[in-house]
Structure formats: structure tokens, C-alpha cells
Amino acid sequence: MDIFDALEQRVEQLVARKKTLEEENAALRAEVARLAEEKKAVAARIDGLMEKLQEELEP
């Protein structure tokens, strides 16, 4: 294998690794977005419960 074959193989490996990392990054970003929405929903439910409790406790 000459130097150009080795270089070509290394470039192909790096391109494949870049693609894999980009896909992983996209999946992680989607997971972060999903968790942020879930966090918002939980916070909204807690706020609603707190308001309801506060209304019940007021004279």
C-alpha cells in the first residue's frame, strides 16, 4: 500500500466518523429539545397545582 492509498483510507475514515458524529449530534439535540418540552410541561403542572393549593389556602 503506498502513501496515497493510506491517506485515502484515512480520509474516508475521517469522513465516516464526521458523518457519525453529525448524526449523533442531531439525535442528542432532538433529545435535549424533547427533555426541554417535558420540563416545561412538568413546570406548568406544578404551577397549576401550586395555584390551586394557594387558592384553597386563602381565606
N, C-alpha and C. Protein backbone atom coordinates (compact mmCIF):
# COMPACT_ATOMS: atom_id res chain seq x y z
N MET A 1 0.87 -1.18 0.00
CA MET A 1 0.00 0.00 0.00
C MET A 1 0.90 1.23 0.00
N ASP A 2 0.71 2.06 -0.96
CA ASP A 2 1.55 3.26 -0.97
C ASP A 2 0.93 4.36 -0.11
N ILE A 3 1.63 5.43 0.03
CA ILE A 3 1.23 6.52 0.93
C ILE A 3 -0.12 7.11 0.54
N PHE A 4 -0.42 7.16 -0.76
CA PHE A 4 -1.69 7.75 -1.20
C PHE A 4 -2.87 6.85 -0.85
N ASP A 5 -2.67 5.55 -0.93
CA ASP A 5 -3.72 4.62 -0.51
C ASP A 5 -4.01 4.77 0.98
N ALA A 6 -2.96 4.88 1.75
CA ALA A 6 -3.11 5.05 3.20
C ALA A 6 -3.81 6.36 3.51
N LEU A 7 -3.42 7.40 2.81
CA LEU A 7 -4.04 8.71 3.01
C LEU A 7 -5.51 8.68 2.61
N GLU A 8 -5.81 8.05 1.49
CA GLU A 8 -7.19 7.95 1.03
C GLU A 8 -8.04 7.18 2.05
N GLN A 9 -7.49 6.09 2.56
CA GLN A 9 -8.22 5.31 3.56
C GLN A 9 -8.47 6.14 4.82
N ARG A 10 -7.48 6.88 5.25
CA ARG A 10 -7.62 7.71 6.46
C ARG A 10 -8.66 8.80 6.25
N VAL A 11 -8.67 9.43 5.08
CA VAL A 11 -9.66 10.46 4.77
C VAL A 11 -11.06 9.87 4.78
N GLU A 12 -11.21 8.68 4.20
CA GLU A 12 -12.52 8.02 4.20
C GLU A 12 -12.98 7.71 5.63
N GLN A 13 -12.05 7.28 6.48
CA GLN A 13 -12.39 7.01 7.88
C GLN A 13 -12.83 8.29 8.58
N LEU A 14 -12.12 9.37 8.33
CA LEU A 14 -12.46 10.64 8.97
C LEU A 14 -13.81 11.16 8.49
N VAL A 15 -14.10 11.01 7.22
CA VAL A 15 -15.39 11.45 6.68
C VAL A 15 -16.52 10.63 7.29
N ALA A 16 -16.30 9.31 7.40
CA ALA A 16 -17.31 8.45 8.01
C ALA A 16 -17.51 8.82 9.48
N ARG A 17 -16.44 9.10 10.17
CA ARG A 17 -16.53 9.49 11.60
C ARG A 17 -17.27 10.81 11.74
N LYS A 18 -17.00 11.75 10.85
CA LYS A 18 -17.69 13.05 10.87
C LYS A 18 -19.19 12.85 10.68
N LYS A 19 -19.56 11.99 9.74
CA LYS A 19 -20.97 11.73 9.48
C LYS A 19 -21.63 11.10 10.71
N THR A 20 -20.95 10.15 11.32
CA THR A 20 -21.47 9.50 12.53
C THR A 20 -21.66 10.52 13.64
N LEU A 21 -20.68 11.39 13.83
CA LEU A 21 -20.78 12.40 14.88
C LEU A 21 -21.90 13.40 14.60
N GLU A 22 -22.08 13.76 13.33
CA GLU A 22 -23.17 14.67 12.98
C GLU A 22 -24.53 14.03 13.28
N GLU A 23 -24.67 12.74 12.96
CA GLU A 23 -25.92 12.04 13.25
C GLU A 23 -26.16 11.95 14.76
N GLU A 24 -25.10 11.65 15.50
CA GLU A 24 -25.21 11.58 16.95
C GLU A 24 -25.58 12.95 17.54
N ASN A 25 -24.97 13.99 17.00
CA ASN A 25 -25.26 15.34 17.45
C ASN A 25 -26.72 15.70 17.21
N ALA A 26 -27.23 15.35 16.04
CA ALA A 26 -28.63 15.63 15.71
C ALA A 26 -29.56 14.88 16.67
N ALA A 27 -29.23 13.63 16.96
CA ALA A 27 -30.05 12.84 17.87
C ALA A 27 -30.02 13.43 19.28
N LEU A 28 -28.85 13.87 19.71
CA LEU A 28 -28.74 14.48 21.04
C LEU A 28 -29.48 15.81 21.11
N ARG A 29 -29.42 16.58 20.05
CA ARG A 29 -30.17 17.85 20.03
C ARG A 29 -31.67 17.59 20.11
N ALA A 30 -32.13 16.57 19.40
CA ALA A 30 -33.55 16.22 19.46
C ALA A 30 -33.94 15.77 20.86
N GLU A 31 -33.07 15.02 21.51
CA GLU A 31 -33.33 14.56 22.88
C GLU A 31 -33.37 15.74 23.85
N VAL A 32 -32.47 16.68 23.67
CA VAL A 32 -32.45 17.88 24.52
C VAL A 32 -33.74 18.68 24.32
N ALA A 33 -34.18 18.81 23.09
CA ALA A 33 -35.42 19.54 22.81
C ALA A 33 -36.61 18.83 23.45
N ARG A 34 -36.64 17.50 23.36
CA ARG A 34 -37.73 16.73 23.96
C ARG A 34 -37.73 16.89 25.48
N LEU A 35 -36.55 16.83 26.07
CA LEU A 35 -36.46 16.98 27.53
C LEU A 35 -36.85 18.40 27.97
N ALA A 36 -36.51 19.39 27.16
CA ALA A 36 -36.90 20.77 27.49
C ALA A 36 -38.42 20.91 27.47
N GLU A 37 -39.06 20.30 26.48
CA GLU A 37 -40.53 20.34 26.41
C GLU A 37 -41.15 19.60 27.60
N GLU A 38 -40.56 18.48 27.95
CA GLU A 38 -41.04 17.72 29.09
C GLU A 38 -40.89 18.53 30.38
N LYS A 39 -39.78 19.21 30.50
CA LYS A 39 -39.52 20.06 31.68
C LYS A 39 -40.56 21.18 31.76
N LYS A 40 -40.87 21.79 30.60
CA LYS A 40 -41.89 22.84 30.57
C LYS A 40 -43.24 22.32 31.02
N ALA A 41 -43.59 21.13 30.55
CA ALA A 41 -44.88 20.53 30.90
C ALA A 41 -44.96 20.24 32.39
N VAL A 42 -43.89 19.72 32.94
CA VAL A 42 -43.86 19.42 34.38
C VAL A 42 -43.96 20.72 35.18
N ALA A 43 -43.23 21.74 34.77
CA ALA A 43 -43.27 23.02 35.46
C ALA A 43 -44.68 23.62 35.40
N ALA A 44 -45.33 23.50 34.26
CA ALA A 44 -46.69 24.03 34.13
C ALA A 44 -47.65 23.28 35.05
N ARG A 45 -47.51 21.98 35.15
CA ARG A 45 -48.38 21.20 36.04
C ARG A 45 -48.13 21.58 37.50
N ILE A 46 -46.87 21.75 37.86
CA ILE A 46 -46.54 22.14 39.24
C ILE A 46 -47.11 23.52 39.53
N ASP A 47 -46.96 24.45 38.60
CA ASP A 47 -47.52 25.80 38.78
C ASP A 47 -49.03 25.73 38.98
N GLY A 48 -49.69 24.90 38.18
CA GLY A 48 -51.14 24.76 38.32
C GLY A 48 -51.53 24.20 39.67
N LEU A 49 -50.80 23.22 40.13
CA LEU A 49 -51.08 22.65 41.45
C LEU A 49 -50.82 23.66 42.56
N MET A 50 -49.76 24.42 42.42
CA MET A 50 -49.44 25.45 43.42
C MET A 50 -50.53 26.52 43.47
N GLU A 51 -51.01 26.94 42.31
CA GLU A 51 -52.07 27.94 42.26
C GLU A 51 -53.34 27.39 42.91
N LYS A 52 -53.67 26.16 42.60
CA LYS A 52 -54.86 25.54 43.17
C LYS A 52 -54.73 25.44 44.70
N LEU A 53 -53.57 25.04 45.16
CA LEU A 53 -53.33 24.94 46.60
C LEU A 53 -53.41 26.31 47.26
N GLN A 54 -52.84 27.29 46.62
CA GLN A 54 -52.86 28.64 47.15
C GLN A 54 -54.30 29.18 47.24
N GLU A 55 -55.10 28.90 46.22
CA GLU A 55 -56.50 29.33 46.25
C GLU A 55 -57.26 28.66 47.39
N GLU A 56 -56.99 27.41 47.62
CA GLU A 56 -57.67 26.68 48.69
C GLU A 56 -57.24 27.15 50.07
N LEU A 57 -56.01 27.62 50.20
CA LEU A 57 -55.49 28.04 51.49
C LEU A 57 -55.85 29.48 51.84
N GLU A 58 -56.23 30.28 50.85
CA GLU A 58 -56.60 31.67 51.12
C GLU A 58 -57.96 31.72 51.78
N PRO A 59 -58.10 32.58 52.80
CA PRO A 59 -59.40 32.71 53.47
C PRO A 59 -60.45 33.42 52.66
